N, C-alpha and C. Protein backbone atom coordinates (compact mmCIF):
# COMPACT_ATOMS: atom_id res chain seq x y z
N MET A 1 45.48 146.75 186.61
CA MET A 1 47.22 147.46 186.47
C MET A 1 48.49 146.40 186.30
N ARG A 2 47.96 145.07 186.86
CA ARG A 2 48.94 144.20 187.13
C ARG A 2 49.10 143.70 185.37
N ASN A 3 47.90 143.50 185.02
CA ASN A 3 47.82 143.62 183.51
C ASN A 3 48.60 144.23 182.35
N THR A 4 48.29 145.07 182.42
CA THR A 4 48.65 146.19 181.72
C THR A 4 50.64 146.05 182.07
N TYR A 5 50.57 146.34 183.06
CA TYR A 5 52.47 145.89 183.83
C TYR A 5 53.04 144.59 182.42
N LYS A 6 52.45 143.61 182.78
CA LYS A 6 52.88 142.72 181.77
C LYS A 6 52.65 143.01 180.52
N ILE A 7 51.81 143.49 180.24
CA ILE A 7 51.80 143.99 178.23
C ILE A 7 53.24 145.00 178.14
N ASP A 8 52.82 145.90 179.00
CA ASP A 8 54.34 147.20 178.56
C ASP A 8 55.55 146.14 178.80
N ASN A 9 55.82 145.43 179.90
CA ASN A 9 57.28 144.74 179.81
C ASN A 9 57.19 143.89 178.56
N LYS A 10 56.50 142.72 178.31
CA LYS A 10 56.66 141.96 177.25
C LYS A 10 56.70 142.57 175.59
N LEU A 11 56.08 143.83 175.40
CA LEU A 11 56.55 145.43 174.60
C LEU A 11 57.45 145.59 174.37
N GLN A 12 57.92 146.12 175.99
CA GLN A 12 58.96 146.70 175.75
C GLN A 12 60.54 145.29 175.55
N VAL A 13 60.27 143.87 176.13
CA VAL A 13 61.16 143.16 175.35
C VAL A 13 61.38 143.07 173.87
N VAL A 14 60.25 142.56 173.25
CA VAL A 14 60.02 142.26 172.11
C VAL A 14 60.65 143.63 171.44
N ASN A 15 60.09 144.89 171.54
CA ASN A 15 60.75 146.18 171.01
C ASN A 15 61.99 146.32 170.83
N ALA A 16 62.59 145.93 172.53
CA ALA A 16 64.24 146.21 172.28
C ALA A 16 64.86 145.09 171.45
N ILE A 17 64.32 143.92 171.45
CA ILE A 17 65.11 143.17 170.79
C ILE A 17 65.40 143.10 169.26
N LYS A 18 63.90 143.53 168.25
CA LYS A 18 63.39 144.42 167.22
C LYS A 18 64.03 145.64 167.17
N CYS A 19 64.34 146.39 167.94
CA CYS A 19 65.13 147.58 167.59
C CYS A 19 66.83 146.99 168.29
N ASN A 20 66.93 146.02 168.06
CA ASN A 20 68.66 145.59 168.15
C ASN A 20 69.34 146.16 169.76
N ASP A 21 68.08 146.32 170.64
CA ASP A 21 68.85 147.13 171.88
C ASP A 21 69.98 146.53 172.40
N SER A 22 71.16 146.79 172.57
CA SER A 22 72.38 146.44 172.85
C SER A 22 72.42 146.05 174.31
N THR A 23 71.98 146.98 175.31
CA THR A 23 71.73 146.30 176.57
C THR A 23 70.61 145.63 176.93
N THR A 24 69.69 145.06 176.22
CA THR A 24 68.72 143.79 176.45
C THR A 24 69.64 142.79 175.44
N LEU A 25 69.84 143.04 174.23
CA LEU A 25 70.78 141.67 174.14
C LEU A 25 71.59 141.09 174.73
N LYS A 26 72.52 142.02 175.47
CA LYS A 26 73.67 141.45 176.37
C LYS A 26 72.89 140.68 177.11
N ARG A 27 72.25 141.43 177.94
CA ARG A 27 71.80 141.14 179.23
C ARG A 27 71.04 139.17 178.82
N ILE A 28 70.47 139.58 177.51
CA ILE A 28 70.09 137.84 177.41
C ILE A 28 71.00 136.68 177.21
N TYR A 29 71.84 137.58 176.43
CA TYR A 29 73.18 136.32 176.06
C TYR A 29 73.88 136.55 177.05
N THR A 30 74.40 137.11 178.10
CA THR A 30 75.12 136.83 179.24
C THR A 30 74.59 136.08 180.12
N SER A 31 73.14 136.42 180.43
CA SER A 31 72.87 135.41 181.66
C SER A 31 71.96 133.72 181.01
N ASN A 32 71.96 133.76 179.47
CA ASN A 32 71.90 132.21 179.02
C ASN A 32 73.11 131.43 178.67
N TYR A 33 74.39 131.92 178.19
CA TYR A 33 75.16 131.28 177.77
C TYR A 33 75.58 130.32 178.58
N PRO A 34 75.51 130.32 179.81
CA PRO A 34 76.08 129.33 181.18
C PRO A 34 75.30 128.05 180.83
N LYS A 35 74.30 128.35 180.79
CA LYS A 35 73.23 127.19 180.89
C LYS A 35 73.89 126.27 179.17
N ILE A 36 73.47 127.32 178.94
CA ILE A 36 74.34 125.94 177.27
C ILE A 36 75.56 125.53 177.12
N GLU A 37 76.22 126.66 178.00
CA GLU A 37 77.81 125.97 178.05
C GLU A 37 77.57 124.43 178.80
N THR A 38 76.86 124.65 179.95
CA THR A 38 76.91 123.60 180.85
C THR A 38 75.90 122.09 179.69
N LEU A 39 75.21 122.62 179.63
CA LEU A 39 73.98 121.48 178.36
C LEU A 39 75.47 120.81 177.33
N VAL A 40 76.30 121.41 176.67
CA VAL A 40 77.21 121.10 175.48
C VAL A 40 78.24 120.13 176.34
N LEU A 41 78.84 120.66 177.68
CA LEU A 41 79.79 120.21 178.42
C LEU A 41 79.26 118.91 179.05
N LYS A 42 78.02 119.52 179.50
CA LYS A 42 77.89 117.55 179.78
C LYS A 42 77.35 116.70 179.03
N ASN A 43 77.19 117.09 177.74
CA ASN A 43 76.95 115.76 176.69
C ASN A 43 78.07 116.12 175.56
N ASN A 44 79.14 115.82 176.09
CA ASN A 44 80.35 115.06 175.10
C ASN A 44 81.12 116.67 174.13
N GLY A 45 80.64 117.71 174.54
CA GLY A 45 80.79 118.99 173.48
C GLY A 45 82.03 119.44 173.83
N THR A 46 82.52 120.55 173.56
CA THR A 46 83.50 121.49 173.91
C THR A 46 83.09 121.92 174.37
N LYS A 47 84.01 123.74 174.71
CA LYS A 47 83.65 125.23 174.52
C LYS A 47 83.33 125.60 173.38
N GLU A 48 84.19 125.26 172.56
CA GLU A 48 83.63 125.39 171.04
C GLU A 48 82.82 125.46 170.71
N HIS A 49 82.12 123.96 170.75
CA HIS A 49 80.98 123.80 170.30
C HIS A 49 80.09 124.28 170.75
N ALA A 50 80.01 124.60 172.30
CA ALA A 50 78.66 125.65 172.97
C ALA A 50 78.85 126.55 172.67
N LYS A 51 80.16 127.49 172.44
CA LYS A 51 79.88 128.35 171.97
C LYS A 51 79.59 128.86 170.05
N ASP A 52 79.64 127.91 169.52
CA ASP A 52 78.83 127.72 167.89
C ASP A 52 77.30 127.31 168.44
N ILE A 53 77.44 126.38 168.63
CA ILE A 53 75.60 126.15 168.99
C ILE A 53 74.98 127.27 169.77
N PHE A 54 75.27 128.06 170.57
CA PHE A 54 74.90 129.34 171.14
C PHE A 54 74.65 130.50 170.12
N GLN A 55 76.10 130.83 169.45
CA GLN A 55 75.30 132.12 168.35
C GLN A 55 74.34 131.19 167.84
N GLU A 56 74.01 130.34 166.76
CA GLU A 56 73.15 129.68 165.93
C GLU A 56 72.02 130.00 167.34
N ALA A 57 71.78 129.36 167.97
CA ALA A 57 70.11 129.78 168.55
C ALA A 57 69.98 131.01 169.08
N PHE A 58 70.94 131.95 169.50
CA PHE A 58 70.83 133.60 170.01
C PHE A 58 70.48 133.73 168.52
N LEU A 59 70.93 133.70 167.12
CA LEU A 59 70.80 134.28 166.36
C LEU A 59 69.16 133.83 165.44
N ALA A 60 68.68 132.26 165.91
CA ALA A 60 67.21 132.04 165.22
C ALA A 60 66.28 132.38 166.36
N VAL A 61 66.64 132.57 167.89
CA VAL A 61 65.61 133.49 168.46
C VAL A 61 65.50 134.93 167.92
N TRP A 62 66.65 135.31 167.80
CA TRP A 62 66.61 137.28 167.48
C TRP A 62 66.09 136.98 166.25
N GLN A 63 66.35 136.49 165.02
CA GLN A 63 65.38 136.93 163.78
C GLN A 63 63.84 136.53 163.90
N ASN A 64 63.75 135.19 164.61
CA ASN A 64 62.07 134.91 165.19
C ASN A 64 61.43 135.96 165.52
N VAL A 65 62.00 136.56 166.67
CA VAL A 65 61.16 137.57 167.30
C VAL A 65 61.18 138.88 166.68
N LYS A 66 62.85 138.78 165.92
CA LYS A 66 61.91 139.95 164.58
C LYS A 66 60.69 140.15 163.66
N GLN A 67 60.76 138.47 163.60
CA GLN A 67 59.82 138.02 162.36
C GLN A 67 58.29 138.29 162.48
N ASP A 68 58.78 137.74 164.07
CA ASP A 68 57.23 137.61 164.48
C ASP A 68 56.53 136.10 164.14
N LYS A 69 57.99 135.21 164.23
CA LYS A 69 57.54 134.18 164.67
C LYS A 69 57.39 133.38 165.86
N PHE A 70 57.73 134.00 166.56
CA PHE A 70 58.18 133.49 167.78
C PHE A 70 57.73 134.83 168.77
N ILE A 71 56.44 135.56 169.86
CA ILE A 71 56.32 135.87 170.31
C ILE A 71 56.39 136.11 171.84
N PRO A 72 57.57 136.66 172.59
CA PRO A 72 57.74 135.99 173.59
C PRO A 72 56.57 137.03 174.56
N GLN A 73 56.13 135.96 175.67
CA GLN A 73 55.45 136.33 176.92
C GLN A 73 56.19 137.06 178.32
N SER A 74 57.15 137.10 178.54
CA SER A 74 58.59 137.44 178.75
C SER A 74 59.75 137.33 179.12
N GLU A 75 60.72 137.95 179.62
CA GLU A 75 62.23 137.38 179.14
C GLU A 75 62.55 136.10 179.73
N SER A 76 61.95 135.33 180.70
CA SER A 76 61.74 134.14 180.83
C SER A 76 61.26 133.19 179.66
N SER A 77 60.10 133.33 178.92
CA SER A 77 60.09 132.65 178.13
C SER A 77 61.15 132.69 176.67
N ILE A 78 61.47 134.06 176.28
CA ILE A 78 62.81 133.78 175.91
C ILE A 78 64.08 133.32 175.76
N ASN A 79 64.32 133.05 177.07
CA ASN A 79 65.16 131.97 177.67
C ASN A 79 64.78 130.81 177.79
N GLY A 80 63.86 130.73 177.72
CA GLY A 80 63.21 129.05 177.23
C GLY A 80 63.36 128.71 176.00
N TYR A 81 63.10 129.48 175.63
CA TYR A 81 62.71 129.06 173.60
C TYR A 81 64.31 129.09 173.56
N LEU A 82 65.18 129.90 173.79
CA LEU A 82 66.71 129.78 173.50
C LEU A 82 67.58 128.84 173.96
N TYR A 83 67.29 128.26 174.99
CA TYR A 83 67.71 126.91 175.39
C TYR A 83 67.29 125.29 174.98
N THR A 84 65.85 125.63 174.47
CA THR A 84 65.08 124.52 173.63
C THR A 84 66.18 124.24 172.34
N ILE A 85 66.19 125.61 171.67
CA ILE A 85 66.48 125.74 170.15
C ILE A 85 68.35 125.18 170.31
N ALA A 86 68.50 125.48 171.66
CA ALA A 86 70.20 125.02 171.58
C ALA A 86 70.46 123.95 172.15
N LYS A 87 69.41 123.35 172.64
CA LYS A 87 69.29 121.91 172.79
C LYS A 87 69.13 121.12 171.69
N ASN A 88 68.27 121.24 170.98
CA ASN A 88 67.78 120.63 169.14
C ASN A 88 68.93 120.86 168.41
N LYS A 89 69.82 122.09 168.71
CA LYS A 89 70.60 122.00 167.54
C LYS A 89 71.50 121.09 168.04
N TRP A 90 72.19 121.24 169.43
CA TRP A 90 73.18 120.06 169.85
C TRP A 90 72.91 118.66 169.46
N MET A 91 71.47 118.72 169.81
CA MET A 91 70.85 117.38 169.96
C MET A 91 71.62 116.99 167.99
N ASP A 92 71.56 117.80 167.19
CA ASP A 92 71.70 117.59 165.70
C ASP A 92 72.82 117.27 165.14
N VAL A 93 73.37 117.87 165.86
CA VAL A 93 74.85 118.01 165.83
C VAL A 93 75.56 116.37 166.55
N LEU A 94 75.08 116.16 167.91
CA LEU A 94 75.30 114.71 168.27
C LEU A 94 74.96 113.28 167.42
N ARG A 95 73.72 113.79 166.27
CA ARG A 95 72.91 112.71 166.08
C ARG A 95 73.99 113.03 164.37
N SER A 96 74.57 113.78 164.06
CA SER A 96 75.17 113.86 162.87
C SER A 96 75.54 112.70 162.60
N GLN A 97 75.94 112.58 161.19
CA GLN A 97 77.49 111.29 160.69
C GLN A 97 78.90 112.02 160.78
N GLY A 98 79.05 113.34 160.37
CA GLY A 98 80.70 113.81 160.63
C GLY A 98 80.80 113.34 162.44
N TYR A 99 80.13 113.92 163.57
CA TYR A 99 80.09 113.88 164.68
C TYR A 99 80.26 112.39 165.13
N LYS A 100 79.64 111.91 164.64
CA LYS A 100 79.58 110.13 165.02
C LYS A 100 81.15 109.16 164.98
N LYS A 101 81.75 109.96 163.45
CA LYS A 101 82.42 109.85 163.47
C LYS A 101 83.89 109.92 163.94
N THR A 102 83.73 110.99 164.35
CA THR A 102 85.00 111.20 165.16
C THR A 102 84.80 111.09 166.31
N ILE A 103 86.68 110.20 166.52
CA ILE A 103 87.32 109.84 168.00
C ILE A 103 88.33 110.06 168.48
N THR A 104 88.51 110.62 169.41
CA THR A 104 89.22 111.79 169.91
C THR A 104 90.50 110.58 170.87
N ALA A 105 91.47 110.79 171.10
CA ALA A 105 92.70 109.99 171.07
C ALA A 105 91.99 109.58 172.47
N SER A 106 91.47 109.97 173.74
CA SER A 106 91.06 109.88 175.02
C SER A 106 89.99 108.56 174.62
N GLN A 107 89.32 109.18 174.40
CA GLN A 107 88.33 107.74 173.47
C GLN A 107 89.38 106.44 173.18
N LEU A 108 89.96 106.11 172.22
CA LEU A 108 90.76 105.02 171.78
C LEU A 108 91.28 104.56 173.16
N SER A 109 91.94 105.36 174.35
CA SER A 109 92.35 104.89 175.10
C SER A 109 91.84 104.19 175.92
N TYR A 110 91.06 104.80 176.24
CA TYR A 110 89.59 104.16 177.51
C TYR A 110 89.03 102.43 177.18
N PHE A 111 88.79 102.54 175.11
CA PHE A 111 88.72 101.34 174.40
C PHE A 111 89.94 100.44 175.30
N GLU A 112 91.30 100.96 174.54
CA GLU A 112 91.96 99.79 174.78
C GLU A 112 92.44 99.77 176.34
N ILE A 113 92.03 100.50 177.04
CA ILE A 113 92.03 99.88 178.62
C ILE A 113 90.97 99.06 178.76
N LYS A 114 89.56 99.17 178.49
CA LYS A 114 88.50 98.07 178.63
C LYS A 114 88.67 96.86 177.91
N ASP A 115 90.15 96.66 177.39
CA ASP A 115 90.27 95.38 176.15
C ASP A 115 90.88 94.86 177.28
N GLU A 116 92.54 95.62 177.84
CA GLU A 116 92.99 94.81 179.01
C GLU A 116 92.19 94.72 180.11
N GLU A 117 91.55 95.15 180.76
CA GLU A 117 90.59 94.73 181.79
C GLU A 117 89.84 93.34 181.26
N ASN A 118 89.20 93.14 180.18
CA ASN A 118 89.00 91.87 179.60
C ASN A 118 89.40 90.74 179.87
N ASN A 119 90.44 90.87 179.91
CA ASN A 119 91.50 89.21 180.81
C ASN A 119 91.69 88.88 179.17
N GLY A 120 91.50 89.22 178.03
CA GLY A 120 91.88 88.67 176.76
C GLY A 120 90.43 88.36 176.37
N MET A 121 89.58 88.70 176.36
CA MET A 121 88.24 87.87 176.14
C MET A 121 88.51 88.26 174.68
N ASP A 122 87.87 87.49 174.12
CA ASP A 122 87.52 87.63 172.26
C ASP A 122 86.72 88.30 172.13
N ASP A 123 86.77 89.54 171.28
CA ASP A 123 86.02 90.49 170.79
C ASP A 123 84.41 89.83 170.26
N ASP A 124 84.60 88.67 169.72
CA ASP A 124 83.29 88.37 169.28
C ASP A 124 82.31 88.21 170.60
N ILE A 125 82.73 87.76 171.74
CA ILE A 125 82.29 87.23 172.82
C ILE A 125 81.67 88.59 173.87
N LEU A 126 83.03 90.11 173.62
CA LEU A 126 82.18 90.97 174.17
C LEU A 126 80.99 91.46 173.09
N LYS A 127 81.14 91.77 172.16
CA LYS A 127 80.28 92.16 171.16
C LYS A 127 78.76 91.22 171.81
N ASP A 128 78.64 90.13 171.76
CA ASP A 128 77.85 89.14 172.25
C ASP A 128 77.16 89.85 173.30
N LYS A 129 77.95 90.08 174.32
CA LYS A 129 77.38 90.15 175.36
C LYS A 129 76.95 91.74 175.17
N ARG A 130 77.51 92.95 174.46
CA ARG A 130 77.03 93.68 174.53
C ARG A 130 75.47 94.07 173.96
N LEU A 131 75.32 92.88 173.25
CA LEU A 131 74.12 92.75 172.00
C LEU A 131 73.00 91.93 173.39
N GLU A 132 73.29 91.40 173.69
CA GLU A 132 72.54 90.75 175.09
C GLU A 132 71.93 91.54 175.66
N ASP A 133 72.80 92.81 176.56
CA ASP A 133 72.42 94.15 177.24
C ASP A 133 71.80 94.78 176.88
N VAL A 134 72.20 94.75 175.37
CA VAL A 134 71.17 95.72 174.27
C VAL A 134 69.20 95.31 174.70
N MET A 135 69.64 93.84 174.02
CA MET A 135 68.17 93.68 174.07
C MET A 135 67.47 92.72 175.53
N PHE A 136 68.60 92.94 176.13
CA PHE A 136 67.45 92.46 177.12
C PHE A 136 67.05 94.29 177.87
N ALA A 137 67.65 95.38 177.86
CA ALA A 137 67.48 96.74 178.05
C ALA A 137 65.90 97.03 177.06
N PHE A 138 65.54 96.51 175.85
CA PHE A 138 64.96 96.88 175.18
C PHE A 138 63.68 96.19 175.33
N LYS A 139 63.92 94.73 176.22
CA LYS A 139 62.82 93.71 176.19
C LYS A 139 61.98 95.00 177.36
N ASN A 140 63.16 95.56 178.53
CA ASN A 140 62.34 95.84 179.48
C ASN A 140 61.85 97.58 179.62
N LEU A 141 62.24 98.08 178.51
CA LEU A 141 61.48 99.35 178.52
C LEU A 141 60.01 99.44 178.42
N GLY A 142 59.73 100.40 178.15
CA GLY A 142 58.02 100.33 178.43
C GLY A 142 57.59 100.67 176.82
N SER A 143 56.45 99.79 176.85
CA SER A 143 56.19 100.01 175.40
C SER A 143 55.71 101.54 174.50
N PRO A 144 55.87 102.39 175.22
CA PRO A 144 55.96 103.47 174.33
C PRO A 144 57.14 103.98 173.48
N CYS A 145 57.89 103.58 174.04
CA CYS A 145 59.57 103.82 173.81
C CYS A 145 59.79 102.78 172.80
N LYS A 146 59.47 100.98 172.94
CA LYS A 146 59.85 100.37 171.95
C LYS A 146 59.22 100.49 170.85
N ASN A 147 57.69 101.30 171.16
CA ASN A 147 57.59 101.59 169.63
C ASN A 147 58.22 102.62 168.61
N LEU A 148 58.44 104.19 169.51
CA LEU A 148 58.98 104.92 168.97
C LEU A 148 60.33 104.28 168.70
N LEU A 149 61.14 103.82 169.33
CA LEU A 149 62.80 103.16 169.06
C LEU A 149 62.64 101.98 167.64
N ARG A 150 61.62 101.46 167.63
CA ARG A 150 61.24 100.69 166.80
C ARG A 150 61.23 101.07 165.44
N LYS A 151 60.34 102.11 165.37
CA LYS A 151 59.76 102.69 164.39
C LYS A 151 61.05 103.73 163.72
N PHE A 152 61.39 104.43 164.23
CA PHE A 152 63.43 104.61 163.91
C PHE A 152 64.49 103.83 163.23
N TYR A 153 64.35 103.21 164.36
CA TYR A 153 65.75 102.19 164.21
C TYR A 153 65.38 101.07 163.41
N PHE A 154 64.45 99.97 163.19
CA PHE A 154 63.98 98.41 162.84
C PHE A 154 63.46 99.17 161.46
N GLU A 155 62.58 100.11 161.64
CA GLU A 155 61.60 100.81 160.37
C GLU A 155 62.01 101.60 159.63
N LYS A 156 63.31 102.88 159.89
CA LYS A 156 63.38 103.26 159.11
C LYS A 156 62.49 104.38 158.92
N LYS A 157 61.90 105.15 159.63
CA LYS A 157 61.13 105.86 159.41
C LYS A 157 61.44 107.46 159.85
N SER A 158 61.28 108.04 159.09
CA SER A 158 61.83 109.49 159.61
C SER A 158 61.05 110.25 160.75
N MET A 159 61.46 110.66 161.30
CA MET A 159 61.09 111.49 162.88
C MET A 159 59.63 112.39 162.46
N LYS A 160 60.01 113.03 161.35
CA LYS A 160 58.73 113.53 161.22
C LYS A 160 57.28 112.75 160.61
N LEU A 161 57.27 111.80 160.16
CA LEU A 161 56.86 110.54 159.83
C LEU A 161 56.07 109.82 161.43
N ILE A 162 57.33 109.83 162.00
CA ILE A 162 56.90 109.35 163.74
C ILE A 162 55.98 110.25 164.25
N ALA A 163 56.46 111.58 164.49
CA ALA A 163 56.06 112.37 165.27
C ALA A 163 54.54 112.25 164.28
N GLU A 164 54.24 112.19 162.96
CA GLU A 164 52.63 112.66 162.75
C GLU A 164 51.99 111.23 162.99
N GLU A 165 52.65 110.36 162.95
CA GLU A 165 52.28 108.93 163.21
C GLU A 165 51.72 109.38 165.29
N LEU A 166 52.59 109.61 165.84
CA LEU A 166 51.96 109.89 167.30
C LEU A 166 51.51 110.98 167.53
N GLN A 167 51.12 111.83 166.75
CA GLN A 167 50.68 113.18 166.58
C GLN A 167 51.32 114.09 167.71
N LEU A 168 52.25 114.13 167.60
CA LEU A 168 53.43 115.18 168.41
C LEU A 168 53.77 115.94 167.32
N ASP A 169 54.46 116.96 168.01
CA ASP A 169 55.69 118.41 167.07
C ASP A 169 56.46 117.66 166.72
N SER A 170 57.58 117.86 165.79
CA SER A 170 58.89 116.83 165.24
C SER A 170 60.05 117.33 166.72
N ALA A 171 59.97 118.63 167.28
CA ALA A 171 60.62 118.71 168.53
C ALA A 171 60.52 117.81 169.64
N SER A 172 59.26 117.77 169.85
CA SER A 172 58.58 116.56 170.96
C SER A 172 59.13 115.11 170.58
N THR A 173 58.92 114.97 169.45
CA THR A 173 59.05 113.37 169.25
C THR A 173 60.56 113.02 168.74
N ARG A 174 61.58 114.32 169.03
CA ARG A 174 63.01 113.86 168.63
C ARG A 174 63.41 114.39 170.48
N ASN A 175 62.80 114.93 171.47
CA ASN A 175 62.86 114.97 172.54
C ASN A 175 62.59 113.27 173.40
N LYS A 176 61.52 113.24 173.50
CA LYS A 176 60.71 111.77 173.49
C LYS A 176 61.92 110.36 172.82
N LYS A 177 62.35 110.32 171.63
CA LYS A 177 63.61 109.50 171.16
C LYS A 177 64.59 109.64 172.15
N TYR A 178 64.89 110.85 172.45
CA TYR A 178 66.29 110.91 173.32
C TYR A 178 66.04 110.73 174.89
N ARG A 179 64.47 110.89 174.94
CA ARG A 179 64.82 110.20 176.58
C ARG A 179 64.27 108.78 176.95
N CYS A 180 63.90 108.65 175.42
CA CYS A 180 63.84 106.46 175.67
C CYS A 180 65.31 106.12 175.15
N MET A 181 66.25 106.88 174.38
CA MET A 181 67.73 106.24 174.26
C MET A 181 68.06 106.18 175.81
N GLN A 182 68.14 107.14 176.28
CA GLN A 182 68.91 107.79 177.29
C GLN A 182 68.57 106.28 179.21
N LYS A 183 66.53 105.80 178.89
CA LYS A 183 66.45 104.75 179.54
C LYS A 183 66.99 103.37 179.29
N LEU A 184 66.89 103.16 177.88
CA LEU A 184 67.71 101.76 177.37
C LEU A 184 69.25 101.80 177.82
N ARG A 185 70.00 102.92 177.67
CA ARG A 185 71.39 103.02 178.11
C ARG A 185 71.31 102.98 180.28
N GLN A 186 70.88 103.95 180.57
CA GLN A 186 70.61 103.05 182.18
C GLN A 186 70.12 101.58 182.51
N ILE A 187 69.18 100.99 181.57
CA ILE A 187 68.58 99.78 181.80
C ILE A 187 69.88 98.90 181.74
N ALA A 188 70.37 98.70 180.26
CA ALA A 188 71.50 98.31 179.93
C ALA A 188 72.89 98.47 180.46
N LEU A 189 73.44 98.94 181.65
CA LEU A 189 74.43 99.44 182.53
C LEU A 189 74.52 99.09 183.76
N ASN A 190 72.74 98.89 184.07
CA ASN A 190 72.30 98.53 185.60
C ASN A 190 72.10 97.05 185.41
N LYS A 191 72.02 96.87 184.13
CA LYS A 191 72.21 95.45 184.23
C LYS A 191 73.33 94.79 184.76
N ASN A 192 74.48 95.00 184.51
CA ASN A 192 75.42 94.88 185.17
C ASN A 192 75.91 94.47 186.83
């Protein structure tokens, strides 16, 4: 009896999405947007970025369900899938060259304050210190992270090729690289 309910519930959600049921789509939309907004805001984004990313992710989920590329087992699996797509899209934005070149006025003032705090320390000395911190952190990373980062940054291999070498899917490899970079930053920051 329970299994029949699960199958019926799953079919109801899938059918509702395929039929563009506004109540179901609105429920999925409104229950998931705050999580995506929080994710983007905590990772250097704005509310506008969050809205754009969420729209793209929501459309991707909707299309994938309609085309049977993703068959959800429940509404919570849709929520998880939506979050994963949004997170990956935001990571792509953060990695993009256009985003990296954008510096806001508040970020510039942060760097100016830092320079004043260094009591006139020469820029070359600061760069050497930062490089020393990063090298220390890299030496203290675990070997799986060292291996992945070395392949990406020094050997200039594509994420697709690295994923094949590590026998992982592309999304898992990107997530692993992100976590390794977080560890590297944490080690470098804790050194001081």
